[in-house]
Amino acid sequence: MSTKRVWSIIGLSVAGILLLIAVFTSWYTVDESEQAVIITFGVANETVTESGLHFKLPWPIQKAEVLSKETYSLQFGYDKTVDGEITGYDKETKMITGDENIVLADLVVQWKIADPIKYLFNAENPEEILHDATSASIRSIVGNSLIDDALTSGKAEIEMETRDLLASLIEKYDIGISISTVQLQDVELPNEEVRAAFTNVTDARETMNTKINEARKYENEKRNGALGEQSAIQSRAEGQKVARTEQARGDVALFNELYKEYTASPEVTRQRLVMETLEAVLPNAKIYIMNDEGGTMKYLPLEGLNTTPVPPVTEEEGGGN
């Protein structure tokens, strides 16, 4: 075989290999949960976020770096294996509170790649920077918090302040990462004896709060009952006031009518009042009115004005005077 023929075969082989490389490196795919950065001669000049099949110049001219758009989790202070086993790092999580107590705090940071180009080129290891920034943030916030807040009711506020501080640090570092949430996993004391003592204190505080709530409930019940009784008494008093006022007005109106009649006929009105008074004082008495001159005597039954009146009795029928 001649040398020329050998070089021809080698040339064809190299051309075939280059063609294969060009064919297999000229396209790439992006899933819905992914994004890609197109790098041309080592310079990132395009970000692709649309899913599907895409084409580019073959390697080594262009290269596609595919990154996930999903949320990542940074586990600070512990490591969880695939089998579910958890390994804690006390040295990493040990920190001092604002009132000079030692606690162990581990947490999870949820983050995303917000800018793929900055994530790839602005830092050599952005996840390590995120880890260090998380450590600085949680230590700063816990260092300004009391131990009671860190172990009990102040966890939500510590999470929020840590998240805000961490987000501001990551924004300053400009590494293309955005912070979603910060969640404290465990905040505890460093040894068993201290934990037991603090648990007793916490239980006592919970008992105190329970008693206070029960006392406030009892106080509210009694106050509401007293207010209801007060309202009922006021309502009855208002009703009696209205009733007596109306009765007084009626009495005044009746007196005015009697006075008007008395002014017109004093003698008749006086006799009528005397008879009505006698009827009220002696409801069962039978009263006889005699004529002073010995004439006709008339019988007036005050207790039964609706009954049939007794006929007049003459002097002869009565057997004289």
Protein backbone atom coordinates (compact mmCIF):
# COMPACT_ATOMS: atom_id res chain seq x y z
CA MET A 1 0.00 0.00 0.00
CA SER A 2 1.46 3.35 -0.97
CA THR A 3 2.09 6.18 1.46
CA LYS A 4 -0.36 8.39 -0.40
CA ARG A 5 -3.14 5.86 0.04
CA VAL A 6 -2.38 5.58 3.76
CA TRP A 7 -2.61 9.32 4.25
CA SER A 8 -5.87 9.34 2.33
CA ILE A 9 -7.33 6.71 4.65
CA ILE A 10 -6.13 8.61 7.70
CA GLY A 11 -7.58 11.82 6.36
CA LEU A 12 -10.92 10.21 5.68
CA SER A 13 -10.96 8.68 9.16
CA VAL A 14 -10.21 12.01 10.80
CA ALA A 15 -12.86 13.71 8.68
CA GLY A 16 -15.36 11.02 9.64
CA ILE A 17 -14.54 11.41 13.33
CA LEU A 18 -14.88 15.17 13.11
CA LEU A 19 -18.17 14.76 11.28
CA LEU A 20 -19.48 12.45 13.97
CA ILE A 21 -18.37 14.88 16.67
CA ALA A 22 -20.06 17.74 14.82
CA VAL A 23 -23.28 15.74 14.45
CA PHE A 24 -23.49 14.58 18.07
CA THR A 25 -22.43 17.89 19.61
CA SER A 26 -24.60 20.19 17.52
CA TRP A 27 -27.84 19.59 19.44
CA TYR A 28 -28.97 19.38 23.05
CA THR A 29 -32.24 19.02 24.94
CA VAL A 30 -33.67 21.06 27.81
CA ASP A 31 -36.40 19.68 30.07
CA GLU A 32 -39.12 21.82 31.63
CA SER A 33 -37.25 21.78 34.94
CA GLU A 34 -33.93 22.79 33.36
CA GLN A 35 -32.18 25.78 31.85
CA ALA A 36 -29.04 25.94 29.71
CA VAL A 37 -26.15 28.32 29.19
CA ILE A 38 -24.49 28.44 25.75
CA ILE A 39 -20.74 28.97 26.05
CA THR A 40 -18.83 30.10 22.93
CA PHE A 41 -15.05 29.72 23.18
CA GLY A 42 -15.32 29.91 27.00
CA VAL A 43 -17.60 32.96 27.04
CA ALA A 44 -21.24 32.62 28.18
CA ASN A 45 -23.43 34.62 25.83
CA GLU A 46 -26.91 33.07 25.95
CA THR A 47 -29.33 31.51 28.47
CA VAL A 48 -31.95 29.08 27.19
CA THR A 49 -35.00 28.46 29.36
CA GLU A 50 -37.43 27.01 26.80
CA SER A 51 -37.77 23.25 26.93
CA GLY A 52 -37.26 21.04 23.88
CA LEU A 53 -34.60 20.21 21.32
CA HIS A 54 -32.08 22.97 20.53
CA PHE A 55 -29.16 23.30 18.13
CA LYS A 56 -25.79 25.02 18.49
CA LEU A 57 -22.38 25.10 16.85
CA PRO A 58 -20.44 21.88 17.36
CA TRP A 59 -17.84 21.37 20.03
CA PRO A 60 -15.33 22.89 20.68
CA ILE A 61 -16.87 26.09 19.29
CA GLN A 62 -19.92 26.05 21.53
CA LYS A 63 -20.86 24.09 24.63
CA ALA A 64 -24.21 23.83 26.44
CA GLU A 65 -24.15 23.77 30.26
CA VAL A 66 -27.52 22.48 31.52
CA LEU A 67 -28.63 23.46 35.05
CA SER A 68 -31.74 22.69 37.06
CA LYS A 69 -34.47 25.27 37.76
CA GLU A 70 -35.77 23.33 40.74
CA THR A 71 -35.24 24.20 44.39
CA TYR A 72 -32.08 22.96 46.09
CA SER A 73 -31.67 22.25 49.81
CA LEU A 74 -28.61 23.16 51.84
CA GLN A 75 -28.44 21.16 55.08
CA PHE A 76 -26.51 23.17 57.65
CA GLY A 77 -25.26 21.37 60.76
CA TYR A 78 -26.16 17.85 59.73
CA ASP A 79 -26.05 15.46 56.80
CA LYS A 80 -28.80 13.03 55.80
CA THR A 81 -27.85 9.98 53.78
CA VAL A 82 -29.97 8.15 51.25
CA ASP A 83 -30.75 5.49 53.85
CA GLY A 84 -32.19 8.13 56.18
CA GLU A 85 -29.30 8.15 58.62
CA ILE A 86 -28.51 11.59 60.04
CA THR A 87 -25.01 12.70 60.99
CA GLY A 88 -24.76 15.82 63.11
CA TYR A 89 -21.88 18.29 63.20
CA ASP A 90 -21.93 19.83 66.69
CA LYS A 91 -18.85 21.93 66.02
CA GLU A 92 -20.62 23.61 63.12
CA THR A 93 -23.92 24.19 64.94
CA LYS A 94 -22.59 25.30 68.34
CA MET A 95 -23.18 29.02 68.86
CA ILE A 96 -23.65 31.58 71.67
CA THR A 97 -26.93 33.41 72.31
CA GLY A 98 -27.30 37.05 73.27
CA ASP A 99 -27.54 36.18 76.97
CA GLU A 100 -24.31 34.13 76.77
CA ASN A 101 -25.77 30.63 76.63
CA ILE A 102 -24.63 27.90 74.26
CA VAL A 103 -27.11 26.24 71.89
CA LEU A 104 -26.90 23.84 68.97
CA ALA A 105 -28.84 25.03 65.92
CA ASP A 106 -29.15 23.28 62.56
CA LEU A 107 -31.29 24.39 59.66
CA VAL A 108 -32.23 23.88 56.01
CA VAL A 109 -31.89 26.58 53.37
CA GLN A 110 -34.05 26.34 50.23
CA TRP A 111 -32.43 28.08 47.26
CA LYS A 112 -32.56 28.31 43.46
CA ILE A 113 -30.26 29.26 40.60
CA ALA A 114 -31.61 32.67 39.63
CA ASP A 115 -28.89 33.63 37.12
CA PRO A 116 -27.12 30.64 35.50
CA ILE A 117 -24.32 32.73 33.98
CA LYS A 118 -23.40 34.33 37.31
CA TYR A 119 -23.72 30.96 39.03
CA LEU A 120 -21.20 29.41 36.61
CA PHE A 121 -18.70 32.26 36.25
CA ASN A 122 -18.87 34.64 39.23
CA ALA A 123 -17.67 32.10 41.81
CA GLU A 124 -15.62 28.96 41.71
CA ASN A 125 -17.82 27.17 44.27
CA PRO A 126 -21.09 29.06 44.89
CA GLU A 127 -22.49 26.36 47.19
CA GLU A 128 -19.54 26.71 49.54
CA ILE A 129 -20.07 30.47 49.60
CA LEU A 130 -23.74 29.85 50.40
CA HIS A 131 -22.77 27.52 53.24
CA ASP A 132 -20.40 30.07 54.77
CA ALA A 133 -22.96 32.87 54.40
CA THR A 134 -25.57 30.67 56.12
CA SER A 135 -23.20 30.05 59.02
CA ALA A 136 -22.50 33.76 59.39
CA SER A 137 -26.20 34.68 59.21
CA ILE A 138 -27.51 32.18 61.76
CA ARG A 139 -24.68 32.95 64.20
CA SER A 140 -25.35 36.66 63.92
CA ILE A 141 -29.09 36.32 64.55
CA VAL A 142 -28.78 33.78 67.38
CA GLY A 143 -26.06 35.95 68.92
CA ASN A 144 -28.62 38.77 69.20
CA SER A 145 -31.41 36.53 70.58
CA LEU A 146 -32.19 35.25 74.06
CA ILE A 147 -31.98 31.55 74.80
CA ASP A 148 -35.70 31.40 75.64
CA ASP A 149 -36.56 32.81 72.20
CA ALA A 150 -34.19 30.40 70.46
CA LEU A 151 -35.61 27.35 72.23
CA THR A 152 -39.32 28.22 72.35
CA SER A 153 -41.53 30.87 70.82
CA GLY A 154 -38.91 32.94 68.98
CA LYS A 155 -37.95 30.37 66.33
CA ALA A 156 -40.17 31.84 63.62
CA GLU A 157 -38.67 35.30 64.09
CA ILE A 158 -35.13 33.86 64.05
CA GLU A 159 -35.91 32.04 60.79
CA MET A 160 -37.26 35.22 59.18
CA GLU A 161 -34.32 37.39 60.28
CA THR A 162 -31.80 34.74 59.20
CA ARG A 163 -33.45 34.46 55.80
CA ASP A 164 -33.37 38.26 55.29
CA LEU A 165 -29.73 38.56 56.35
CA LEU A 166 -28.66 35.59 54.21
CA ALA A 167 -30.51 36.95 51.17
CA SER A 168 -28.78 40.32 51.54
CA LEU A 169 -25.34 38.65 51.77
CA ILE A 170 -25.97 36.47 48.70
CA GLU A 171 -27.13 39.53 46.78
CA LYS A 172 -23.88 41.31 47.64
CA TYR A 173 -21.80 38.29 46.57
CA ASP A 174 -23.67 38.29 43.21
CA ILE A 175 -23.30 34.55 42.56
CA GLY A 176 -26.67 34.03 40.80
CA ILE A 177 -28.47 32.39 43.75
CA SER A 178 -31.81 33.36 45.27
CA ILE A 179 -32.90 32.31 48.79
CA SER A 180 -36.42 30.92 49.16
CA THR A 181 -36.80 29.89 52.81
CA VAL A 182 -34.81 29.16 55.95
CA GLN A 183 -36.16 26.50 58.32
CA LEU A 184 -34.73 25.70 61.73
CA GLN A 185 -34.66 21.94 62.30
CA ASP A 186 -33.43 21.60 65.89
CA VAL A 187 -32.37 24.15 68.46
CA GLU A 188 -31.23 22.46 71.65
CA LEU A 189 -28.84 22.73 74.56
CA PRO A 190 -25.43 21.05 74.40
CA ASN A 191 -25.83 18.46 77.21
CA GLU A 192 -28.54 16.31 78.75
CA GLU A 193 -28.55 17.88 82.23
CA VAL A 194 -29.01 21.39 80.91
CA ARG A 195 -31.71 20.17 78.53
CA ALA A 196 -33.59 18.50 81.40
CA ALA A 197 -33.39 21.63 83.56
CA PHE A 198 -34.61 23.82 80.73
CA THR A 199 -37.43 21.38 80.01
CA ASN A 200 -38.57 21.71 83.62
CA VAL A 201 -38.50 25.48 83.32
CA THR A 202 -40.45 25.31 80.06
CA ASP A 203 -43.05 22.99 81.60
CA ALA A 204 -43.44 25.33 84.56
CA ARG A 205 -43.89 28.27 82.20
CA GLU A 206 -46.52 26.38 80.22
CA THR A 207 -48.35 25.52 83.45
CA MET A 208 -48.24 29.17 84.48
CA ASN A 209 -49.65 30.26 81.13
CA THR A 210 -52.40 27.65 81.40
CA LYS A 211 -53.39 28.87 84.85
CA ILE A 212 -53.35 32.47 83.69
CA ASN A 213 -55.58 31.61 80.73
CA GLU A 214 -58.00 29.73 82.98
CA ALA A 215 -58.13 32.67 85.40
CA ARG A 216 -58.79 35.08 82.53
CA LYS A 217 -61.53 32.81 81.24
CA TYR A 218 -63.16 32.72 84.70
CA GLU A 219 -62.81 36.49 84.97
CA ASN A 220 -64.46 37.00 81.57
CA GLU A 221 -67.32 34.65 82.46
CA LYS A 222 -68.02 36.46 85.75
CA ARG A 223 -67.68 39.87 84.14
CA ASN A 224 -70.05 38.92 81.31
CA GLY A 225 -72.54 37.53 83.85
CA ALA A 226 -72.36 40.69 85.94
CA LEU A 227 -72.75 42.87 82.85
CA GLY A 228 -75.77 40.83 81.80
CA GLU A 229 -77.35 41.13 85.24
CA GLN A 230 -76.61 44.84 85.27
CA SER A 231 -78.28 45.21 81.88
CA ALA A 232 -81.34 43.27 83.10
CA ILE A 233 -81.64 45.45 86.24
CA GLN A 234 -81.34 48.60 84.15
CA SER A 235 -84.00 47.30 81.76
CA ARG A 236 -86.39 46.52 84.63
CA ALA A 237 -85.71 49.91 86.17
CA GLU A 238 -86.41 51.64 82.87
CA GLY A 239 -89.65 49.66 82.56
CA GLN A 240 -90.76 50.58 86.07
CA LYS A 241 -89.82 54.19 85.44
CA VAL A 242 -91.95 54.29 82.29
CA ALA A 243 -94.87 52.51 84.02
CA ARG A 244 -94.87 54.82 87.04
CA THR A 245 -94.49 57.87 84.85
CA GLU A 246 -97.52 56.83 82.80
CA GLN A 247 -99.47 56.03 85.98
CA ALA A 248 -98.63 59.44 87.41
CA ARG A 249 -99.74 61.10 84.19
CA GLY A 250 -102.99 59.16 84.35
CA ASP A 251 -103.53 60.18 87.96
CA VAL A 252 -102.87 63.80 87.08
CA ALA A 253 -105.34 63.61 84.19
CA LEU A 254 -107.99 62.04 86.46
CA PHE A 255 -107.45 64.68 89.12
CA ASN A 256 -107.76 67.42 86.51
CA GLU A 257 -111.08 65.96 85.35
CA LEU A 258 -112.36 65.73 88.94
CA TYR A 259 -111.22 69.26 89.61
CA LYS A 260 -113.05 70.45 86.51
CA GLU A 261 -116.25 68.73 87.67
CA TYR A 262 -115.77 70.03 91.21
CA THR A 263 -115.42 73.56 89.88
CA ALA A 264 -118.68 73.18 87.94
CA SER A 265 -120.70 71.42 90.73
CA PRO A 266 -118.88 71.40 94.07
CA GLU A 267 -121.71 69.87 96.15
CA VAL A 268 -122.56 67.08 93.73
CA THR A 269 -118.92 66.24 93.22
CA ARG A 270 -118.31 66.22 97.00
CA GLN A 271 -121.19 63.79 97.57
CA ARG A 272 -120.01 61.60 94.72
CA LEU A 273 -116.50 61.45 96.16
CA VAL A 274 -117.88 60.55 99.60
CA MET A 275 -119.97 57.74 98.15
CA GLU A 276 -117.06 56.39 96.08
CA THR A 277 -114.85 56.51 99.17
CA LEU A 278 -117.43 54.65 101.23
CA GLU A 279 -117.77 52.05 98.50
CA ALA A 280 -114.02 51.56 98.49
CA VAL A 281 -113.74 51.41 102.30
CA LEU A 282 -116.93 49.36 102.93
CA PRO A 283 -117.45 47.26 99.78
CA ASN A 284 -120.03 44.89 101.42
CA ALA A 285 -122.04 47.46 103.42
CA LYS A 286 -125.69 48.34 102.62
CA ILE A 287 -126.33 52.03 103.03
CA TYR A 288 -129.80 53.55 103.57
CA ILE A 289 -130.41 57.22 102.96
CA MET A 290 -133.26 58.68 105.02
CA ASN A 291 -135.11 61.83 104.37
CA ASP A 292 -134.69 64.19 107.30
CA GLU A 293 -138.33 65.29 107.01
CA GLY A 294 -139.67 61.74 107.46
CA GLY A 295 -140.62 61.44 103.87
CA THR A 296 -139.69 58.81 101.32
CA MET A 297 -136.66 56.65 102.08
CA LYS A 298 -134.60 55.40 99.20
CA TYR A 299 -132.22 52.42 99.27
CA LEU A 300 -128.92 52.80 97.41
CA PRO A 301 -127.01 49.46 96.99
CA LEU A 302 -123.46 50.66 96.44
CA GLU A 303 -122.07 47.13 96.02
CA GLY A 304 -124.22 46.22 93.06
CA LEU A 305 -124.92 49.10 90.79
CA ASN A 306 -125.70 46.72 87.90
CA THR A 307 -128.47 44.87 89.82
CA THR A 308 -132.18 45.82 89.69
CA PRO A 309 -132.83 48.68 92.11
CA VAL A 310 -135.24 48.21 95.03
CA PRO A 311 -138.47 50.21 94.62
CA PRO A 312 -138.98 53.21 96.92
CA VAL A 313 -140.53 52.52 100.33
CA THR A 314 -143.14 55.04 101.53
CA GLU A 315 -143.56 56.15 105.09
CA GLU A 316 -146.79 54.16 105.43
CA GLU A 317 -145.16 50.99 104.15
CA GLY A 318 -142.32 51.47 106.53
CA GLY A 319 -144.69 51.63 109.55
CA GLY A 320 -144.20 55.28 110.36
CA ASN A 321 -140.97 57.01 111.23
